[in-house]
C-alpha cells in the first residue's frame, strides 16, 4: 500500500514510518517543517518520501494528498502541548479539529482509509472503571481533549473506512516525554514530587506503531483503545519503575494532583483504557509497559 503518515517529526509518526517501511509499504511522511526534522536514530524519512504539509491549510492538504493519492492516511500530527492549548485555543483547535477535518475530506475524495490517533482526554476522567471504546466521550476537561474529540467527530462523520485509536501516556524517541523528563530531574535533584492519583498505563510509541501497522493492513474499522499491557498505575508508580531500572536513588514523593498544582490544564484522574477489543478483533496487544520502559531506555541510551 501507499500510506501517508502525518506528524513524522514527532515520536509516534517517526516510529509508524519505521514500522511501515520495514514491511515494504510505500510510505510518504509529512509534517509542517520544510524538511524532515525527526529523531536522528539512523532511520530518517528519505528526502524523496517527505512532503511538507500544513494541515491547518485546507487547500494545501487537498493539493498534497491529491498528488500523493495514498491508499491510507495515518494521522499522527496533533497539537499535544496540553497546558499550551489552554493559552492557544484557536491554534490548538486549528490543528486538532480543523486539520483533522481537512485530512478526512481529502481522504473521502480518494475513497481511501484513514487512521486517527486520539486520546483518553476525550473522557471526563471520572470514576475508576476503565473506559471502553464503545463509551460515548463526555465532557473533556481541557482544550486539548475537546479539540481531539472534535477531530474524532470529523473523522466518524465524513468517512466509513476509518480507525480511531485512543492512547495515553506516550513515550518514545524524538520528543519530550515523562521518562526523559523524570530521568533528567532525578540526575539533578535529591527528590522529585510525582502525582499518585492519576491512574492509567504508559504507551511506548515503538510498540504502538507496530499495532497501527497491523491495523491499517486490515479492514477491521472502528474505534479502539491501545496502551501497553502490565496493569493500571499512577505517574508515581511509573517514575519509581523508571528510577529502579536506571539505578537512580532519587527520592520520589507521592502527591495528589491538587497538591502538585503546577498544571494550567485540568488532568483526568481516570485514564484507564479497556483494550480488550483489540484481542476480540484479532490484533496482538502491546507488551507489558515495564518491558517497554527497559527497551526504550536502551534505545535512548540511558542504559
C-alpha atoms as a PDB file:
ATOM      1  CA  UNK A   1       0.000   0.000   0.000  1.00  0.00           C
ATOM      2  CA  UNK A   2       0.931   3.620  -0.400  1.00  0.00           C
ATOM      3  CA  UNK A   3       0.495   5.187   3.037  1.00  0.00           C
ATOM      4  CA  UNK A   4       0.781   8.830   4.058  1.00  0.00           C
ATOM      5  CA  UNK A   5       1.842   9.410   7.670  1.00  0.00           C
ATOM      6  CA  UNK A   6       1.358  12.881   9.136  1.00  0.00           C
ATOM      7  CA  UNK A   7       3.389  14.255  12.034  1.00  0.00           C
ATOM      8  CA  UNK A   8       6.577  12.338  11.156  1.00  0.00           C
ATOM      9  CA  UNK A   9       8.742  14.837  13.042  1.00  0.00           C
ATOM     10  CA  UNK A  10       7.128  13.592  16.259  1.00  0.00           C
ATOM     11  CA  UNK A  11       7.881  10.448  18.230  1.00  0.00           C
ATOM     12  CA  UNK A  12       4.855   8.391  17.128  1.00  0.00           C
ATOM     13  CA  UNK A  13       4.834   9.465  13.477  1.00  0.00           C
ATOM     14  CA  UNK A  14       8.508   8.633  13.176  1.00  0.00           C
ATOM     15  CA  UNK A  15       8.003   5.143  14.621  1.00  0.00           C
ATOM     16  CA  UNK A  16       4.992   4.500  12.380  1.00  0.00           C
ATOM     17  CA  UNK A  17       7.122   5.256   9.315  1.00  0.00           C
ATOM     18  CA  UNK A  18       9.758   2.839  10.585  1.00  0.00           C
ATOM     19  CA  UNK A  19       7.177   0.102  11.129  1.00  0.00           C
ATOM     20  CA  UNK A  20       5.500   0.506   7.744  1.00  0.00           C
ATOM     21  CA  UNK A  21       8.734   0.841   5.774  1.00  0.00           C
ATOM     22  CA  UNK A  22      10.001  -2.366   7.328  1.00  0.00           C
ATOM     23  CA  UNK A  23       7.011  -4.184   5.846  1.00  0.00           C
ATOM     24  CA  UNK A  24       7.631  -2.964   2.321  1.00  0.00           C
ATOM     25  CA  UNK A  25       4.891  -0.352   2.117  1.00  0.00           C
ATOM     26  CA  UNK A  26       5.490   2.794   0.067  1.00  0.00           C
ATOM     27  CA  UNK A  27       5.464   5.400   2.817  1.00  0.00           C
ATOM     28  CA  UNK A  28       5.282   9.165   2.446  1.00  0.00           C
ATOM     29  CA  UNK A  29       5.860  11.223   5.579  1.00  0.00           C
ATOM     30  CA  UNK A  30       4.613  14.752   6.116  1.00  0.00           C
ATOM     31  CA  UNK A  31       4.862  17.485   8.692  1.00  0.00           C
ATOM     32  CA  UNK A  32       4.735  21.262   8.832  1.00  0.00           C
ATOM     33  CA  UNK A  33       8.502  21.775   8.507  1.00  0.00           C
ATOM     34  CA  UNK A  34      10.002  22.204   5.044  1.00  0.00           C
ATOM     35  CA  UNK A  35      12.379  19.292   5.654  1.00  0.00           C
ATOM     36  CA  UNK A  36      12.354  16.185   7.798  1.00  0.00           C
ATOM     37  CA  UNK A  37      13.402  17.009  11.350  1.00  0.00           C
ATOM     38  CA  UNK A  38      12.628  13.850  13.272  1.00  0.00           C
ATOM     39  CA  UNK A  39      14.856  11.727  15.515  1.00  0.00           C
ATOM     40  CA  UNK A  40      18.382  11.192  14.202  1.00  0.00           C
ATOM     41  CA  UNK A  41      18.490   7.488  15.015  1.00  0.00           C
ATOM     42  CA  UNK A  42      19.781   6.205  11.707  1.00  0.00           C
ATOM     43  CA  UNK A  43      16.339   5.728  10.157  1.00  0.00           C
ATOM     44  CA  UNK A  44      15.176   9.160   8.972  1.00  0.00           C
ATOM     45  CA  UNK A  45      12.470   9.589   6.355  1.00  0.00           C
ATOM     46  CA  UNK A  46      14.241   9.750   2.972  1.00  0.00           C
ATOM     47  CA  UNK A  47      14.008  13.182   1.362  1.00  0.00           C
ATOM     48  CA  UNK A  48      12.155  11.763  -1.639  1.00  0.00           C
ATOM     49  CA  UNK A  49       9.465  10.429   0.685  1.00  0.00           C
ATOM     50  CA  UNK A  50       8.858  13.579   2.697  1.00  0.00           C
ATOM     51  CA  UNK A  51       6.267  16.216   1.774  1.00  0.00           C
ATOM     52  CA  UNK A  52       5.766  19.357   3.855  1.00  0.00           C
ATOM     53  CA  UNK A  53       2.107  19.961   4.619  1.00  0.00           C
ATOM     54  CA  UNK A  54       0.387  22.455   6.911  1.00  0.00           C
ATOM     55  CA  UNK A  55      -2.761  20.615   7.927  1.00  0.00           C
ATOM     56  CA  UNK A  56      -4.447  23.851   9.034  1.00  0.00           C
ATOM     57  CA  UNK A  57      -4.447  24.947   5.357  1.00  0.00           C
ATOM     58  CA  UNK A  58      -7.314  23.098   3.716  1.00  0.00           C
ATOM     59  CA  UNK A  59      -6.240  23.872   0.171  1.00  0.00           C
ATOM     60  CA  UNK A  60      -2.686  22.710   0.851  1.00  0.00           C
ATOM     61  CA  UNK A  61      -3.999  19.454   2.316  1.00  0.00           C
ATOM     62  CA  UNK A  62      -6.205  18.794  -0.712  1.00  0.00           C
ATOM     63  CA  UNK A  63      -3.300  19.524  -3.058  1.00  0.00           C
ATOM     64  CA  UNK A  64      -0.704  17.370  -1.305  1.00  0.00           C
ATOM     65  CA  UNK A  65      -2.976  14.400  -0.631  1.00  0.00           C
ATOM     66  CA  UNK A  66      -4.453  14.686  -4.110  1.00  0.00           C
ATOM     67  CA  UNK A  67      -0.977  14.483  -5.629  1.00  0.00           C
ATOM     68  CA  UNK A  68       0.210  11.607  -3.414  1.00  0.00           C
ATOM     69  CA  UNK A  69      -3.052   9.660  -3.798  1.00  0.00           C
ATOM     70  CA  UNK A  70      -2.416   7.348  -0.832  1.00  0.00           C
ATOM     71  CA  UNK A  71      -4.396   4.199  -0.162  1.00  0.00           C
ATOM     72  CA  UNK A  72      -4.419   5.140   3.508  1.00  0.00           C
ATOM     73  CA  UNK A  73      -3.520   8.022   5.815  1.00  0.00           C
ATOM     74  CA  UNK A  74      -2.300   7.526   9.380  1.00  0.00           C
ATOM     75  CA  UNK A  75      -2.866  10.882  11.043  1.00  0.00           C
ATOM     76  CA  UNK A  76      -0.362  11.298  13.890  1.00  0.00           C
ATOM     77  CA  UNK A  77       0.047  15.084  13.641  1.00  0.00           C
ATOM     78  CA  UNK A  78      -1.516  16.920  16.571  1.00  0.00           C
ATOM     79  CA  UNK A  79      -1.218  19.798  18.999  1.00  0.00           C
ATOM     80  CA  UNK A  80      -0.071  17.804  22.042  1.00  0.00           C
ATOM     81  CA  UNK A  81       1.028  20.599  24.403  1.00  0.00           C
ATOM     82  CA  UNK A  82      -1.824  20.167  26.865  1.00  0.00           C
ATOM     83  CA  UNK A  83      -1.023  23.211  29.001  1.00  0.00           C
ATOM     84  CA  UNK A  84      -0.157  25.308  25.942  1.00  0.00           C
ATOM     85  CA  UNK A  85      -3.558  24.585  24.446  1.00  0.00           C
ATOM     86  CA  UNK A  86      -5.200  26.468  27.290  1.00  0.00           C
ATOM     87  CA  UNK A  87      -3.456  29.666  26.198  1.00  0.00           C
ATOM     88  CA  UNK A  88      -3.582  28.957  22.456  1.00  0.00           C
ATOM     89  CA  UNK A  89      -7.105  27.668  21.979  1.00  0.00           C
ATOM     90  CA  UNK A  90      -7.546  28.801  18.400  1.00  0.00           C
ATOM     91  CA  UNK A  91      -4.250  27.317  17.277  1.00  0.00           C
ATOM     92  CA  UNK A  92      -4.904  24.003  19.048  1.00  0.00           C
ATOM     93  CA  UNK A  93      -8.350  23.807  17.501  1.00  0.00           C
ATOM     94  CA  UNK A  94      -6.994  24.650  14.058  1.00  0.00           C
ATOM     95  CA  UNK A  95      -4.624  21.683  14.273  1.00  0.00           C
ATOM     96  CA  UNK A  96      -6.605  19.043  16.157  1.00  0.00           C
ATOM     97  CA  UNK A  97     -10.090  19.787  14.868  1.00  0.00           C
ATOM     98  CA  UNK A  98      -9.694  21.781  11.657  1.00  0.00           C
ATOM     99  CA  UNK A  99      -6.596  19.958  10.440  1.00  0.00           C
ATOM    100  CA  UNK A 100      -8.171  16.562  11.021  1.00  0.00           C
ATOM    101  CA  UNK A 101     -11.299  17.615   9.143  1.00  0.00           C
ATOM    102  CA  UNK A 102      -9.201  18.783   6.183  1.00  0.00           C
ATOM    103  CA  UNK A 103      -7.458  15.417   6.026  1.00  0.00           C
ATOM    104  CA  UNK A 104     -10.717  13.463   6.332  1.00  0.00           C
ATOM    105  CA  UNK A 105     -12.236  15.478   3.492  1.00  0.00           C
ATOM    106  CA  UNK A 106      -9.235  14.784   1.262  1.00  0.00           C
ATOM    107  CA  UNK A 107      -9.299  11.096   2.164  1.00  0.00           C
ATOM    108  CA  UNK A 108     -13.004  10.886   1.346  1.00  0.00           C
ATOM    109  CA  UNK A 109     -12.377  12.377  -2.107  1.00  0.00           C
ATOM    110  CA  UNK A 110      -9.978   9.493  -2.829  1.00  0.00           C
ATOM    111  CA  UNK A 111     -12.163   6.805  -1.219  1.00  0.00           C
ATOM    112  CA  UNK A 112      -9.123   5.876   0.881  1.00  0.00           C
ATOM    113  CA  UNK A 113      -8.934   4.754   4.512  1.00  0.00           C
ATOM    114  CA  UNK A 114      -7.853   6.850   7.487  1.00  0.00           C
ATOM    115  CA  UNK A 115      -6.486   6.213  10.960  1.00  0.00           C
ATOM    116  CA  UNK A 116      -6.806   8.985  13.559  1.00  0.00           C
ATOM    117  CA  UNK A 117      -4.745   8.862  16.754  1.00  0.00           C
ATOM    118  CA  UNK A 118      -6.795  10.162  19.664  1.00  0.00           C
ATOM    119  CA  UNK A 119      -6.551  10.246  23.446  1.00  0.00           C
ATOM    120  CA  UNK A 120      -8.129   9.264  26.747  1.00  0.00           C
ATOM    121  CA  UNK A 121      -8.600  13.006  27.299  1.00  0.00           C
ATOM    122  CA  UNK A 122     -11.853  12.862  25.296  1.00  0.00           C
ATOM    123  CA  UNK A 123     -13.415  11.472  28.510  1.00  0.00           C
ATOM    124  CA  UNK A 124     -14.045  13.372  31.744  1.00  0.00           C
ATOM    125  CA  UNK A 125     -11.636  11.238  33.779  1.00  0.00           C
ATOM    126  CA  UNK A 126     -14.157  10.400  36.487  1.00  0.00           C
ATOM    127  CA  UNK A 127     -14.704   7.098  38.283  1.00  0.00           C
ATOM    128  CA  UNK A 128     -12.442   4.056  38.325  1.00  0.00           C
ATOM    129  CA  UNK A 129     -13.932   1.851  35.591  1.00  0.00           C
ATOM    130  CA  UNK A 130     -11.701   1.550  32.514  1.00  0.00           C
ATOM    131  CA  UNK A 131     -13.074   3.430  29.526  1.00  0.00           C
ATOM    132  CA  UNK A 132     -14.288   1.189  26.721  1.00  0.00           C
ATOM    133  CA  UNK A 133     -14.089   2.128  23.018  1.00  0.00           C
ATOM    134  CA  UNK A 134     -17.877   1.977  22.918  1.00  0.00           C
ATOM    135  CA  UNK A 135     -18.253   4.529  25.722  1.00  0.00           C
ATOM    136  CA  UNK A 136     -19.501   7.861  24.491  1.00  0.00           C
ATOM    137  CA  UNK A 137     -16.884  10.594  25.042  1.00  0.00           C
ATOM    138  CA  UNK A 138     -18.196  13.112  27.532  1.00  0.00           C
ATOM    139  CA  UNK A 139     -17.212  16.464  29.000  1.00  0.00           C
ATOM    140  CA  UNK A 140     -13.469  16.642  28.208  1.00  0.00           C
ATOM    141  CA  UNK A 141     -11.734  18.553  30.986  1.00  0.00           C
ATOM    142  CA  UNK A 142      -9.465  20.757  28.886  1.00  0.00           C
ATOM    143  CA  UNK A 143      -8.962  22.379  25.494  1.00  0.00           C
ATOM    144  CA  UNK A 144      -6.727  19.580  24.269  1.00  0.00           C
ATOM    145  CA  UNK A 145      -9.375  16.948  25.000  1.00  0.00           C
ATOM    146  CA  UNK A 146     -12.160  18.996  23.438  1.00  0.00           C
ATOM    147  CA  UNK A 147     -10.220  19.644  20.234  1.00  0.00           C
ATOM    148  CA  UNK A 148      -9.193  15.990  19.909  1.00  0.00           C
ATOM    149  CA  UNK A 149     -12.834  14.992  20.327  1.00  0.00           C
ATOM    150  CA  UNK A 150     -13.779  17.379  17.545  1.00  0.00           C
ATOM    151  CA  UNK A 151     -11.232  15.592  15.403  1.00  0.00           C
ATOM    152  CA  UNK A 152     -12.864  12.259  16.204  1.00  0.00           C
ATOM    153  CA  UNK A 153     -16.247  13.628  15.190  1.00  0.00           C
ATOM    154  CA  UNK A 154     -14.880  14.905  11.878  1.00  0.00           C
ATOM    155  CA  UNK A 155     -13.434  11.500  11.012  1.00  0.00           C
ATOM    156  CA  UNK A 156     -16.502   9.466  12.006  1.00  0.00           C
ATOM    157  CA  UNK A 157     -18.952  11.812  10.279  1.00  0.00           C
ATOM    158  CA  UNK A 158     -17.069  12.092   6.982  1.00  0.00           C
ATOM    159  CA  UNK A 159     -15.720   8.567   6.489  1.00  0.00           C
ATOM    160  CA  UNK A 160     -16.799   4.944   6.536  1.00  0.00           C
ATOM    161  CA  UNK A 161     -13.332   3.374   6.257  1.00  0.00           C
ATOM    162  CA  UNK A 162     -11.700   4.684   9.408  1.00  0.00           C
ATOM    163  CA  UNK A 163      -9.902   3.725  12.606  1.00  0.00           C
ATOM    164  CA  UNK A 164      -9.919   5.873  15.731  1.00  0.00           C
ATOM    165  CA  UNK A 165      -7.201   4.703  18.123  1.00  0.00           C
ATOM    166  CA  UNK A 166      -7.163   6.262  21.580  1.00  0.00           C
ATOM    167  CA  UNK A 167      -3.955   6.005  23.552  1.00  0.00           C
ATOM    168  CA  UNK A 168      -2.385   7.561  26.651  1.00  0.00           C
ATOM    169  CA  UNK A 169       0.888   8.413  28.393  1.00  0.00           C
ATOM    170  CA  UNK A 170       3.046   8.077  25.276  1.00  0.00           C
ATOM    171  CA  UNK A 171       6.831   7.965  25.368  1.00  0.00           C
ATOM    172  CA  UNK A 172       9.381   7.404  22.595  1.00  0.00           C
ATOM    173  CA  UNK A 173      12.375   8.872  20.814  1.00  0.00           C
ATOM    174  CA  UNK A 174      12.308  12.334  19.313  1.00  0.00           C
ATOM    175  CA  UNK A 175      10.041  14.196  21.667  1.00  0.00           C
ATOM    176  CA  UNK A 176       9.627  15.391  25.226  1.00  0.00           C
ATOM    177  CA  UNK A 177       8.174  12.628  27.374  1.00  0.00           C
ATOM    178  CA  UNK A 178       7.743  11.666  31.012  1.00  0.00           C
ATOM    179  CA  UNK A 179      10.577   9.111  31.080  1.00  0.00           C
ATOM    180  CA  UNK A 180      13.116  11.582  29.726  1.00  0.00           C
ATOM    181  CA  UNK A 181      11.874  14.403  31.946  1.00  0.00           C
ATOM    182  CA  UNK A 182      11.980  12.356  35.143  1.00  0.00           C
ATOM    183  CA  UNK A 183      15.448  10.929  34.484  1.00  0.00           C
ATOM    184  CA  UNK A 184      16.873  14.397  33.937  1.00  0.00           C
ATOM    185  CA  UNK A 185      15.126  15.657  37.060  1.00  0.00           C
ATOM    186  CA  UNK A 186      16.441  12.704  39.039  1.00  0.00           C
ATOM    187  CA  UNK A 187      20.001  13.400  37.918  1.00  0.00           C
ATOM    188  CA  UNK A 188      19.927  16.920  39.318  1.00  0.00           C
ATOM    189  CA  UNK A 189      17.680  16.690  42.389  1.00  0.00           C
ATOM    190  CA  UNK A 190      17.631  14.787  45.653  1.00  0.00           C
ATOM    191  CA  UNK A 191      13.842  14.352  45.467  1.00  0.00           C
ATOM    192  CA  UNK A 192      11.008  14.748  42.959  1.00  0.00           C
ATOM    193  CA  UNK A 193       7.258  15.173  43.508  1.00  0.00           C
ATOM    194  CA  UNK A 194       5.028  12.977  41.322  1.00  0.00           C
ATOM    195  CA  UNK A 195       1.235  12.677  41.314  1.00  0.00           C
ATOM    196  CA  UNK A 196      -0.240   9.451  42.620  1.00  0.00           C
ATOM    197  CA  UNK A 197      -3.972   9.925  41.946  1.00  0.00           C
ATOM    198  CA  UNK A 198      -3.930   9.977  38.137  1.00  0.00           C
ATOM    199  CA  UNK A 199      -4.231   6.370  37.000  1.00  0.00           C
ATOM    200  CA  UNK A 200      -3.542   4.898  33.557  1.00  0.00           C
ATOM    201  CA  UNK A 201      -0.997   2.882  31.565  1.00  0.00           C
ATOM    202  CA  UNK A 202       2.082   4.063  29.627  1.00  0.00           C
ATOM    203  CA  UNK A 203       2.445   3.562  25.867  1.00  0.00           C
ATOM    204  CA  UNK A 204       5.761   3.051  24.083  1.00  0.00           C
ATOM    205  CA  UNK A 205       5.387   4.590  20.625  1.00  0.00           C
ATOM    206  CA  UNK A 206       7.521   1.866  19.036  1.00  0.00           C
ATOM    207  CA  UNK A 207       5.059  -0.773  20.270  1.00  0.00           C
ATOM    208  CA  UNK A 208       2.032   1.302  19.314  1.00  0.00           C
ATOM    209  CA  UNK A 209       3.455   1.845  15.828  1.00  0.00           C
ATOM    210  CA  UNK A 210       3.637  -1.917  15.297  1.00  0.00           C
ATOM    211  CA  UNK A 211      -0.019  -2.242  16.244  1.00  0.00           C
ATOM    212  CA  UNK A 212      -1.069   0.641  13.985  1.00  0.00           C
ATOM    213  CA  UNK A 213       0.754  -1.014  11.079  1.00  0.00           C
ATOM    214  CA  UNK A 214      -1.080  -4.268  11.844  1.00  0.00           C
ATOM    215  CA  UNK A 215      -4.417  -2.452  11.879  1.00  0.00           C
ATOM    216  CA  UNK A 216      -4.039  -0.362   8.726  1.00  0.00           C
ATOM    217  CA  UNK A 217      -3.396  -3.550   6.733  1.00  0.00           C
ATOM    218  CA  UNK A 218      -6.925  -4.734   7.590  1.00  0.00           C
ATOM    219  CA  UNK A 219     -10.488  -3.557   7.122  1.00  0.00           C
ATOM    220  CA  UNK A 220     -11.434  -4.101  10.778  1.00  0.00           C
ATOM    221  CA  UNK A 221     -12.503  -0.486  11.092  1.00  0.00           C
ATOM    222  CA  UNK A 222     -13.796   1.190  14.222  1.00  0.00           C
ATOM    223  CA  UNK A 223     -12.689   2.730  17.500  1.00  0.00           C
ATOM    224  CA  UNK A 224     -10.028   1.027  19.599  1.00  0.00           C
ATOM    225  CA  UNK A 225      -8.044   1.678  22.775  1.00  0.00           C
ATOM    226  CA  UNK A 226      -4.337   0.895  22.830  1.00  0.00           C
ATOM    227  CA  UNK A 227      -1.676   1.220  25.512  1.00  0.00           C
ATOM    228  CA  UNK A 228       0.948  -1.213  26.751  1.00  0.00           C
ATOM    229  CA  UNK A 229      -0.195  -4.071  28.969  1.00  0.00           C
ATOM    230  CA  UNK A 230       1.047  -4.557  32.532  1.00  0.00           C
ATOM    231  CA  UNK A 231      -1.788  -3.115  34.580  1.00  0.00           C
ATOM    232  CA  UNK A 232      -3.005   0.327  35.632  1.00  0.00           C
ATOM    233  CA  UNK A 233      -0.582   2.509  37.569  1.00  0.00           C
ATOM    234  CA  UNK A 234      -0.057   6.082  38.727  1.00  0.00           C
ATOM    235  CA  UNK A 235       2.572   8.513  37.457  1.00  0.00           C
ATOM    236  CA  UNK A 236       4.268   7.939  40.835  1.00  0.00           C
ATOM    237  CA  UNK A 237       4.480   4.195  40.154  1.00  0.00           C
ATOM    238  CA  UNK A 238       5.785   4.922  36.662  1.00  0.00           C
ATOM    239  CA  UNK A 239       8.545   7.159  37.989  1.00  0.00           C
ATOM    240  CA  UNK A 240       9.580   4.629  40.648  1.00  0.00           C
ATOM    241  CA  UNK A 241       9.985   1.918  37.997  1.00  0.00           C
ATOM    242  CA  UNK A 242      11.990   4.225  35.724  1.00  0.00           C
ATOM    243  CA  UNK A 243      14.388   5.071  38.560  1.00  0.00           C
ATOM    244  CA  UNK A 244      14.669   1.411  39.542  1.00  0.00           C
ATOM    245  CA  UNK A 245      15.665   0.411  36.016  1.00  0.00           C
ATOM    246  CA  UNK A 246      18.095   3.305  35.564  1.00  0.00           C
ATOM    247  CA  UNK A 247      19.560   2.897  39.045  1.00  0.00           C
ATOM    248  CA  UNK A 248      18.735   6.394  40.301  1.00  0.00           C
ATOM    249  CA  UNK A 249      18.459   6.764  44.081  1.00  0.00           C
ATOM    250  CA  UNK A 250      16.443   9.996  43.888  1.00  0.00           C
ATOM    251  CA  UNK A 251      13.583  10.011  46.400  1.00  0.00           C
ATOM    252  CA  UNK A 252      10.119  10.002  44.795  1.00  0.00           C
ATOM    253  CA  UNK A 253       7.500  11.852  46.842  1.00  0.00           C
ATOM    254  CA  UNK A 254       3.856  10.926  46.066  1.00  0.00           C
ATOM    255  CA  UNK A 255       1.451  13.887  45.942  1.00  0.00           C
ATOM    256  CA  UNK A 256      -2.123  14.431  44.865  1.00  0.00           C
ATOM    257  CA  UNK A 257      -2.970  16.400  41.744  1.00  0.00           C
ATOM    258  CA  UNK A 258      -4.207  19.298  43.875  1.00  0.00           C
ATOM    259  CA  UNK A 259      -1.016  19.235  45.951  1.00  0.00           C
ATOM    260  CA  UNK A 260       1.116  19.244  42.802  1.00  0.00           C
ATOM    261  CA  UNK A 261      -0.734  22.272  41.499  1.00  0.00           C
ATOM    262  CA  UNK A 262       1.540  23.277  38.600  1.00  0.00           C
ATOM    263  CA  UNK A 263      -0.614  22.450  35.572  1.00  0.00           C
ATOM    264  CA  UNK A 264      -2.642  25.033  33.674  1.00  0.00           C
ATOM    265  CA  UNK A 265      -4.927  22.370  32.201  1.00  0.00           C
ATOM    266  CA  UNK A 266      -7.114  20.086  34.302  1.00  0.00           C
ATOM    267  CA  UNK A 267      -5.910  16.476  34.028  1.00  0.00           C
ATOM    268  CA  UNK A 268      -8.182  13.408  34.202  1.00  0.00           C
ATOM    269  CA  UNK A 269      -7.786  11.195  37.266  1.00  0.00           C
ATOM    270  CA  UNK A 270      -9.082   8.119  35.450  1.00  0.00           C
ATOM    271  CA  UNK A 271      -7.076   7.407  32.305  1.00  0.00           C
ATOM    272  CA  UNK A 272      -7.697   3.666  32.406  1.00  0.00           C
ATOM    273  CA  UNK A 273      -8.397   2.336  28.902  1.00  0.00           C
ATOM    274  CA  UNK A 274     -10.041  -1.031  28.288  1.00  0.00           C
ATOM    275  CA  UNK A 275      -8.067  -2.672  25.463  1.00  0.00           C
ATOM    276  CA  UNK A 276      -9.927  -5.984  25.244  1.00  0.00           C
ATOM    277  CA  UNK A 277     -11.453  -5.083  21.872  1.00  0.00           C
ATOM    278  CA  UNK A 278      -8.010  -5.472  20.298  1.00  0.00           C
ATOM    279  CA  UNK A 279      -7.945  -9.178  21.136  1.00  0.00           C
ATOM    280  CA  UNK A 280     -11.561  -9.668  20.043  1.00  0.00           C
ATOM    281  CA  UNK A 281     -10.676  -8.111  16.687  1.00  0.00           C
ATOM    282  CA  UNK A 282      -7.672 -10.385  16.277  1.00  0.00           C
ATOM    283  CA  UNK A 283      -4.904  -7.874  16.976  1.00  0.00           C
ATOM    284  CA  UNK A 284      -1.841  -8.616  19.098  1.00  0.00           C
ATOM    285  CA  UNK A 285      -1.775  -6.499  22.280  1.00  0.00           C
ATOM    286  CA  UNK A 286       1.240  -4.405  23.203  1.00  0.00           C
ATOM    287  CA  UNK A 287       3.850  -5.886  25.593  1.00  0.00           C
ATOM    288  CA  UNK A 288       3.941  -5.007  29.290  1.00  0.00           C
ATOM    289  CA  UNK A 289       4.888  -1.406  29.998  1.00  0.00           C
ATOM    290  CA  UNK A 290       7.742  -2.461  32.299  1.00  0.00           C
ATOM    291  CA  UNK A 291       9.408  -4.277  29.409  1.00  0.00           C
ATOM    292  CA  UNK A 292       8.655  -1.331  27.120  1.00  0.00           C
ATOM    293  CA  UNK A 293      10.427   1.046  29.500  1.00  0.00           C
ATOM    294  CA  UNK A 294      13.500  -1.190  29.507  1.00  0.00           C
ATOM    295  CA  UNK A 295      13.630  -1.304  25.695  1.00  0.00           C
ATOM    296  CA  UNK A 296      13.113   2.448  25.432  1.00  0.00           C
ATOM    297  CA  UNK A 297      15.886   3.135  27.936  1.00  0.00           C
ATOM    298  CA  UNK A 298      18.253   1.018  25.861  1.00  0.00           C
ATOM    299  CA  UNK A 299      17.175   2.638  22.580  1.00  0.00           C
ATOM    300  CA  UNK A 300      17.567   6.108  24.095  1.00  0.00           C
ATOM    301  CA  UNK A 301      20.950   5.051  25.519  1.00  0.00           C
ATOM    302  CA  UNK A 302      20.001   5.653  29.138  1.00  0.00           C
ATOM    303  CA  UNK A 303      21.173   2.112  29.893  1.00  0.00           C
END
